[in-house]
């Protein structure tokens, strides 16, 4: 059985694919699957998928830009070339199904798959779908969605299957003991985990650093800074943080699967962007959180995700215009001064979570292939 995955744009499109692949391998070890990926060239994606024994093919893919840029003209040229490349690869691979995670990189593959009459399945992580998934949904047999049927916009109800957002099962198997060793935690203060996400780390970093000594007086911090920002953050911390407090700060440019799982396990509170992947990982770990939606995200999807999660009582939301140094410190103190509220947020997060999403999607696809 040949399964072709497609997606592209951010890491949020790739980790759910990996979660599904791992579940298929785990639950159907004798399924005889061959996994392929077709999307725009991305070294990070290539590195991740190669570890999963996925055969990678690359194509040109033009971005759908919502602002003027001279790159628009290059994108226009890339799009038809990408369709021709996709058509060739799909014809040669002859997949039994195509699973699209969305993003601009998925459109040429889906269009070519439609022409070649390959069944297409789509997953939408956000309440408000982007243009790519709106297009691909026209050809999809089913649309798996992360949020509820009533919340998720645009798609016809008869195509929607609410499963949650597939996350790596390893994300819920972290160890507090291992976290204390890995991050060299002191252990005498509550732990705050700060995650900027793949696109929006710098804004969070800048605001946190502006009031960092005040935070470290009362809390121990694990901070994923983003690879591009790590050196700059380290330099700034050396300037703004008192030496006796620096031992309570544990920065990392990027957290591996194991490190992130352990960080989730040991964290008492999480400050994060509001990408669907992050929300569902936080929820699966039953952690209270403060979500800071990325301003200017496509269709304002991060804000929509965050407020939908907030309505369950699982998090606080601070939009970027209100994300100020003293305000975030006040919100952190507000929560830690109310342990019962933190406990209730944890409970609501768990109730919202769908840790079996990857298994459900994997089972559905295998059932379809077996018919």
Protein backbone atom coordinates (compact mmCIF):
# COMPACT_ATOMS: atom_id res chain seq x y z
CA UNK A 1 0.00 0.00 0.00
CA UNK A 2 1.44 3.33 -1.08
CA UNK A 3 0.50 6.46 0.84
CA UNK A 4 1.55 9.87 -0.41
CA UNK A 5 1.66 12.69 2.14
CA UNK A 6 1.81 16.34 1.20
CA UNK A 7 1.94 19.66 3.01
CA UNK A 8 4.29 22.52 3.45
CA UNK A 9 4.82 25.94 4.90
CA UNK A 10 5.56 25.32 8.59
CA UNK A 11 6.59 22.53 10.95
CA UNK A 12 2.95 22.40 12.06
CA UNK A 13 2.14 20.64 8.79
CA UNK A 14 4.79 17.96 9.25
CA UNK A 15 4.54 16.75 12.85
CA UNK A 16 0.93 15.51 12.44
CA UNK A 17 2.06 13.55 9.37
CA UNK A 18 4.84 11.94 11.41
CA UNK A 19 2.37 11.13 14.20
CA UNK A 20 0.07 9.33 11.72
CA UNK A 21 2.96 7.43 10.11
CA UNK A 22 4.19 6.21 13.49
CA UNK A 23 0.72 5.02 14.45
CA UNK A 24 0.36 3.10 11.18
CA UNK A 25 3.72 1.40 11.72
CA UNK A 26 2.91 0.62 15.35
CA UNK A 27 -0.63 -0.68 14.89
CA UNK A 28 -0.17 -2.37 11.51
CA UNK A 29 3.41 -3.73 11.49
CA UNK A 30 2.61 -6.11 8.63
CA UNK A 31 0.66 -3.60 6.56
CA UNK A 32 3.27 -3.44 3.84
CA UNK A 33 3.10 0.35 3.68
CA UNK A 34 5.31 2.55 1.54
CA UNK A 35 5.35 6.16 2.64
CA UNK A 36 6.10 9.04 0.29
CA UNK A 37 6.15 12.80 0.75
CA UNK A 38 5.72 15.34 -2.02
CA UNK A 39 6.19 19.03 -1.25
CA UNK A 40 8.49 22.06 -1.54
CA UNK A 41 12.16 21.66 -0.71
CA UNK A 42 12.82 22.15 3.00
CA UNK A 43 15.92 20.81 4.75
CA UNK A 44 14.21 20.70 8.15
CA UNK A 45 11.30 18.68 6.76
CA UNK A 46 13.68 16.40 4.91
CA UNK A 47 15.63 15.70 8.10
CA UNK A 48 12.46 14.86 10.03
CA UNK A 49 10.86 12.61 7.42
CA UNK A 50 14.02 10.67 6.58
CA UNK A 51 14.07 9.41 10.16
CA UNK A 52 10.63 7.91 9.51
CA UNK A 53 11.75 6.06 6.33
CA UNK A 54 9.67 8.31 4.12
CA UNK A 55 10.71 8.63 0.47
CA UNK A 56 10.87 12.33 -0.32
CA UNK A 57 10.15 14.03 -3.63
CA UNK A 58 10.32 17.81 -4.04
CA UNK A 59 8.43 20.24 -6.26
CA UNK A 60 8.16 23.96 -6.82
CA UNK A 61 5.30 25.58 -4.93
CA UNK A 62 4.27 29.23 -5.03
CA UNK A 63 3.12 30.90 -1.84
CA UNK A 64 -0.33 32.51 -1.62
CA UNK A 65 0.80 35.92 -0.42
CA UNK A 66 -1.69 38.33 1.13
CA UNK A 67 0.65 41.30 0.66
CA UNK A 68 2.55 42.84 -2.22
CA UNK A 69 5.99 41.46 -2.94
CA UNK A 70 8.02 41.08 -6.10
CA UNK A 71 8.23 37.39 -5.14
CA UNK A 72 4.59 37.12 -6.25
CA UNK A 73 5.73 36.99 -9.87
CA UNK A 74 8.14 34.15 -9.08
CA UNK A 75 5.36 32.32 -7.21
CA UNK A 76 3.10 32.60 -10.24
CA UNK A 77 5.76 30.87 -12.34
CA UNK A 78 6.40 28.19 -9.71
CA UNK A 79 2.78 27.10 -9.48
CA UNK A 80 2.27 25.56 -12.96
CA UNK A 81 5.76 24.03 -12.84
CA UNK A 82 4.85 22.45 -9.50
CA UNK A 83 1.69 20.95 -10.97
CA UNK A 84 3.65 19.39 -13.84
CA UNK A 85 6.24 18.01 -11.40
CA UNK A 86 3.52 16.67 -9.12
CA UNK A 87 1.74 15.01 -12.03
CA UNK A 88 4.96 13.22 -12.99
CA UNK A 89 5.77 12.05 -9.46
CA UNK A 90 2.23 10.85 -8.73
CA UNK A 91 2.10 9.02 -12.05
CA UNK A 92 5.40 7.25 -11.27
CA UNK A 93 4.63 6.52 -7.58
CA UNK A 94 1.01 5.47 -8.25
CA UNK A 95 -0.14 6.01 -4.66
CA UNK A 96 -3.30 4.38 -3.34
CA UNK A 97 -4.26 7.55 -1.48
CA UNK A 98 -3.01 11.10 -0.91
CA UNK A 99 -3.14 12.62 2.57
CA UNK A 100 -2.83 16.41 2.61
CA UNK A 101 -1.96 18.37 5.73
CA UNK A 102 -2.42 21.70 4.00
CA UNK A 103 -0.22 24.69 3.35
CA UNK A 104 0.72 26.19 0.01
CA UNK A 105 2.98 23.23 -0.76
CA UNK A 106 0.06 20.82 -0.88
CA UNK A 107 -1.96 22.42 -3.67
CA UNK A 108 0.01 21.23 -6.74
CA UNK A 109 0.00 17.67 -5.39
CA UNK A 110 -3.73 17.70 -4.67
CA UNK A 111 -4.61 19.15 -8.06
CA UNK A 112 -2.49 16.58 -9.86
CA UNK A 113 -3.90 13.80 -7.69
CA UNK A 114 -7.38 14.87 -8.66
CA UNK A 115 -6.50 14.75 -12.37
CA UNK A 116 -5.07 11.24 -11.90
CA UNK A 117 -8.14 10.17 -9.89
CA UNK A 118 -6.26 9.36 -6.65
CA UNK A 119 -8.46 9.51 -3.49
CA UNK A 120 -7.54 12.55 -1.38
CA UNK A 121 -7.95 12.99 2.36
CA UNK A 122 -7.39 16.33 4.08
CA UNK A 123 -6.66 17.42 7.65
CA UNK A 124 -7.40 20.95 8.88
CA UNK A 125 -5.84 21.99 12.18
CA UNK A 126 -7.47 25.39 12.58
CA UNK A 127 -10.95 26.76 13.05
CA UNK A 128 -10.52 29.00 10.01
CA UNK A 129 -8.95 27.16 7.05
CA UNK A 130 -6.41 28.80 4.81
CA UNK A 131 -6.81 29.24 1.07
CA UNK A 132 -4.84 26.07 0.29
CA UNK A 133 -7.17 23.83 2.28
CA UNK A 134 -10.24 25.58 0.91
CA UNK A 135 -9.03 24.64 -2.56
CA UNK A 136 -8.00 21.08 -1.69
CA UNK A 137 -11.26 20.41 0.19
CA UNK A 138 -13.11 20.58 -3.14
CA UNK A 139 -11.37 17.35 -4.16
CA UNK A 140 -11.15 15.65 -0.76
CA UNK A 141 -13.27 12.63 0.09
CA UNK A 142 -13.15 13.49 3.80
CA UNK A 143 -11.88 16.45 5.82
CA UNK A 144 -10.49 15.56 9.24
CA UNK A 145 -10.81 18.55 11.58
CA UNK A 146 -9.20 19.43 14.90
CA UNK A 147 -11.90 21.60 16.45
CA UNK A 148 -15.59 20.81 16.64
CA UNK A 149 -17.85 20.56 13.58
CA UNK A 150 -19.78 23.65 14.65
CA UNK A 151 -16.62 25.71 15.20
CA UNK A 152 -14.71 24.74 12.06
CA UNK A 153 -15.63 27.01 9.18
CA UNK A 154 -16.11 26.69 5.44
CA UNK A 155 -16.17 22.91 4.85
CA UNK A 156 -19.53 21.18 4.27
CA UNK A 157 -20.66 19.24 7.33
CA UNK A 158 -21.00 15.97 5.41
CA UNK A 159 -17.23 15.97 4.76
CA UNK A 160 -16.12 16.87 8.29
CA UNK A 161 -14.79 14.25 10.69
CA UNK A 162 -13.80 15.68 14.07
CA UNK A 163 -10.69 13.85 15.30
CA UNK A 164 -8.50 16.51 16.93
CA UNK A 165 -4.99 17.43 15.84
CA UNK A 166 -2.60 14.45 15.54
CA UNK A 167 0.28 14.81 17.99
CA UNK A 168 3.27 12.59 18.62
CA UNK A 169 2.39 10.08 21.35
CA UNK A 170 5.84 10.72 22.81
CA UNK A 171 4.71 14.23 23.78
CA UNK A 172 2.63 12.83 26.64
CA UNK A 173 5.30 10.48 27.98
CA UNK A 174 7.67 13.01 29.48
CA UNK A 175 9.44 12.58 32.81
CA UNK A 176 9.81 15.20 35.55
CA UNK A 177 12.86 13.38 36.85
CA UNK A 178 14.54 13.42 33.44
CA UNK A 179 13.60 17.06 32.95
CA UNK A 180 15.36 18.05 36.16
CA UNK A 181 18.52 16.35 34.90
CA UNK A 182 18.29 17.57 31.31
CA UNK A 183 17.68 21.22 32.17
CA UNK A 184 19.62 21.22 35.45
CA UNK A 185 16.60 22.56 37.31
CA UNK A 186 17.06 23.90 40.83
CA UNK A 187 13.59 22.71 41.80
CA UNK A 188 12.73 25.25 44.50
CA UNK A 189 10.45 27.44 42.36
CA UNK A 190 7.46 26.79 40.06
CA UNK A 191 8.51 26.07 36.46
CA UNK A 192 7.30 28.19 33.53
CA UNK A 193 7.82 26.82 30.01
CA UNK A 194 8.00 29.45 27.25
CA UNK A 195 7.46 28.36 23.63
CA UNK A 196 7.65 30.87 20.79
CA UNK A 197 6.69 28.58 17.94
CA UNK A 198 8.40 28.26 14.57
CA UNK A 199 7.35 31.72 13.37
CA UNK A 200 6.73 33.96 16.33
CA UNK A 201 9.46 33.49 18.92
CA UNK A 202 11.12 36.91 18.69
CA UNK A 203 8.17 38.98 19.91
CA UNK A 204 7.65 36.73 22.92
CA UNK A 205 11.39 36.74 23.65
CA UNK A 206 11.60 40.54 23.57
CA UNK A 207 8.69 41.07 25.96
CA UNK A 208 9.78 38.36 28.39
CA UNK A 209 13.36 39.67 28.51
CA UNK A 210 12.16 43.19 29.26
CA UNK A 211 11.00 42.05 32.69
CA UNK A 212 13.06 38.92 33.12
CA UNK A 213 14.70 39.48 36.50
CA UNK A 214 11.27 40.04 38.05
CA UNK A 215 10.07 36.73 36.58
CA UNK A 216 13.12 34.77 37.71
CA UNK A 217 12.79 36.01 41.30
CA UNK A 218 9.72 33.82 41.68
CA UNK A 219 9.85 31.26 38.86
CA UNK A 220 12.25 28.91 37.10
CA UNK A 221 12.09 29.22 33.31
CA UNK A 222 12.65 26.76 30.46
CA UNK A 223 12.74 28.83 27.28
CA UNK A 224 12.67 27.63 23.67
CA UNK A 225 14.02 30.73 21.98
CA UNK A 226 14.05 29.63 18.33
CA UNK A 227 17.28 28.87 16.49
CA UNK A 228 17.60 32.31 14.92
CA UNK A 229 17.16 34.10 18.24
CA UNK A 230 19.23 31.97 20.61
CA UNK A 231 22.55 33.84 20.53
CA UNK A 232 20.88 37.24 20.83
CA UNK A 233 18.73 36.11 23.75
CA UNK A 234 21.78 34.70 25.55
CA UNK A 235 23.60 38.02 25.17
CA UNK A 236 20.63 40.03 26.42
CA UNK A 237 20.12 37.73 29.41
CA UNK A 238 23.72 38.29 30.47
CA UNK A 239 22.99 42.01 30.58
CA UNK A 240 19.52 42.14 32.14
CA UNK A 241 19.55 39.20 34.58
CA UNK A 242 21.28 39.32 37.95
CA UNK A 243 23.93 36.63 38.32
CA UNK A 244 22.28 34.95 41.30
CA UNK A 245 19.10 34.51 39.21
CA UNK A 246 20.69 33.22 36.01
CA UNK A 247 20.79 29.65 37.38
CA UNK A 248 16.98 29.66 37.18
CA UNK A 249 17.01 30.29 33.45
CA UNK A 250 17.36 27.41 30.98
CA UNK A 251 17.33 28.52 27.31
CA UNK A 252 17.41 26.24 24.29
CA UNK A 253 17.32 27.14 20.58
CA UNK A 254 15.16 24.10 19.82
CA UNK A 255 13.77 21.33 22.02
CA UNK A 256 14.01 17.78 20.69
CA UNK A 257 11.00 15.47 21.05
CA UNK A 258 12.32 14.02 24.30
CA UNK A 259 13.32 17.40 25.71
CA UNK A 260 9.95 18.95 24.85
CA UNK A 261 8.04 16.02 26.33
CA UNK A 262 10.05 16.29 29.55
CA UNK A 263 9.59 20.06 29.61
CA UNK A 264 5.82 19.60 29.32
CA UNK A 265 5.91 17.10 32.18
CA UNK A 266 7.78 19.36 34.59
CA UNK A 267 6.11 22.67 33.67
CA UNK A 268 3.56 24.20 36.03
CA UNK A 269 2.50 26.83 33.49
CA UNK A 270 3.11 27.22 29.74
CA UNK A 271 3.34 30.45 27.74
CA UNK A 272 2.95 29.68 24.04
CA UNK A 273 1.83 30.79 20.64
CA UNK A 274 -1.59 29.49 19.63
CA UNK A 275 -0.82 27.15 16.77
CA UNK A 276 -3.11 24.13 16.81
CA UNK A 277 -0.20 21.74 17.33
CA UNK A 278 0.91 23.55 20.48
CA UNK A 279 -2.63 23.81 21.85
CA UNK A 280 -3.31 20.10 21.46
CA UNK A 281 0.07 19.12 22.95
CA UNK A 282 -0.53 21.40 25.94
CA UNK A 283 -4.04 20.01 26.34
CA UNK A 284 -2.88 16.38 26.13
CA UNK A 285 -0.47 17.10 28.98
CA UNK A 286 -3.20 18.77 31.01
CA UNK A 287 -1.25 21.97 31.60
CA UNK A 288 -2.64 25.46 32.30
CA UNK A 289 -1.42 27.97 29.75
CA UNK A 290 -1.25 31.56 28.59
CA UNK A 291 -1.63 31.75 24.81
CA UNK A 292 -0.29 34.65 22.75
CA UNK A 293 -1.75 34.42 19.21
CA UNK A 294 0.61 35.36 16.41
CA UNK A 295 -0.57 38.71 15.06
CA UNK A 296 -1.10 38.65 11.33
CA UNK A 297 -1.41 34.88 11.07
CA UNK A 298 -3.41 33.78 8.03
CA UNK A 299 -7.15 34.38 8.53
CA UNK A 300 -6.21 35.34 12.11
CA UNK A 301 -6.39 31.60 12.79
CA UNK A 302 -4.23 31.63 15.92
CA UNK A 303 -6.55 34.07 17.69
CA UNK A 304 -9.58 32.02 16.66
CA UNK A 305 -7.91 28.85 17.97
CA UNK A 306 -6.89 30.52 21.22
CA UNK A 307 -10.32 31.93 22.05
CA UNK A 308 -12.05 28.65 21.23
CA UNK A 309 -9.69 26.93 23.69
CA UNK A 310 -10.21 29.77 26.19
CA UNK A 311 -13.98 29.22 26.06
CA UNK A 312 -13.37 25.76 27.55
CA UNK A 313 -11.69 27.41 30.54
CA UNK A 314 -8.30 25.83 29.77
CA UNK A 315 -6.17 28.94 29.17
CA UNK A 316 -5.81 32.70 29.32
CA UNK A 317 -5.37 34.64 26.08
CA UNK A 318 -3.20 37.75 25.69
CA UNK A 319 -3.22 39.30 22.24
CA UNK A 320 -0.01 40.94 21.03
CA UNK A 321 -1.11 44.57 21.56
CA UNK A 322 -1.67 43.71 25.24
CA UNK A 323 1.42 41.53 25.58
CA UNK A 324 3.47 43.95 27.68
CA UNK A 325 6.24 43.14 30.20
CA UNK A 326 4.40 44.09 33.39
CA UNK A 327 1.08 42.70 32.20
CA UNK A 328 2.47 39.23 31.49
CA UNK A 329 4.17 39.20 34.89
CA UNK A 330 0.88 40.16 36.52
CA UNK A 331 -0.95 37.36 34.67
CA UNK A 332 1.63 34.79 35.76
CA UNK A 333 1.33 35.92 39.38
CA UNK A 334 -2.47 35.94 39.08
CA UNK A 335 -2.51 32.27 38.15
CA UNK A 336 0.05 31.03 40.66
CA UNK A 337 -1.81 32.90 43.44
CA UNK A 338 -4.91 30.87 42.52
CA UNK A 339 -3.96 27.17 42.66
CA UNK A 340 -7.60 26.11 42.41
CA UNK A 341 -7.96 27.99 39.13
CA UNK A 342 -4.78 26.35 37.83
CA UNK A 343 -6.17 22.97 38.80
CA UNK A 344 -9.44 23.70 37.01
CA UNK A 345 -7.57 24.85 33.88
CA UNK A 346 -5.63 21.57 33.89
CA UNK A 347 -8.87 19.62 34.15
CA UNK A 348 -10.47 21.56 31.29
CA UNK A 349 -7.36 21.11 29.15
CA UNK A 350 -7.53 17.34 29.59
CA UNK A 351 -11.23 17.32 28.74
CA UNK A 352 -10.49 19.20 25.52
CA UNK A 353 -7.56 17.02 24.49
CA UNK A 354 -7.75 14.32 21.84
CA UNK A 355 -4.52 12.36 22.31
CA UNK A 356 -5.74 9.53 20.05
CA UNK A 357 -6.19 11.70 16.95
CA UNK A 358 -3.23 10.17 15.09
CA UNK A 359 -4.45 6.63 15.81
CA UNK A 360 -7.99 7.47 14.69
CA UNK A 361 -6.78 8.92 11.38
CA UNK A 362 -4.38 6.00 10.85
CA UNK A 363 -7.16 3.46 11.48
CA UNK A 364 -9.50 5.30 9.12
CA UNK A 365 -6.95 5.36 6.30
CA UNK A 366 -6.03 1.70 6.75
CA UNK A 367 -9.71 0.70 6.79
CA UNK A 368 -10.25 2.59 3.55
CA UNK A 369 -7.22 0.97 1.93
CA UNK A 370 -8.39 -2.49 3.01
CA UNK A 371 -11.79 -2.21 1.35
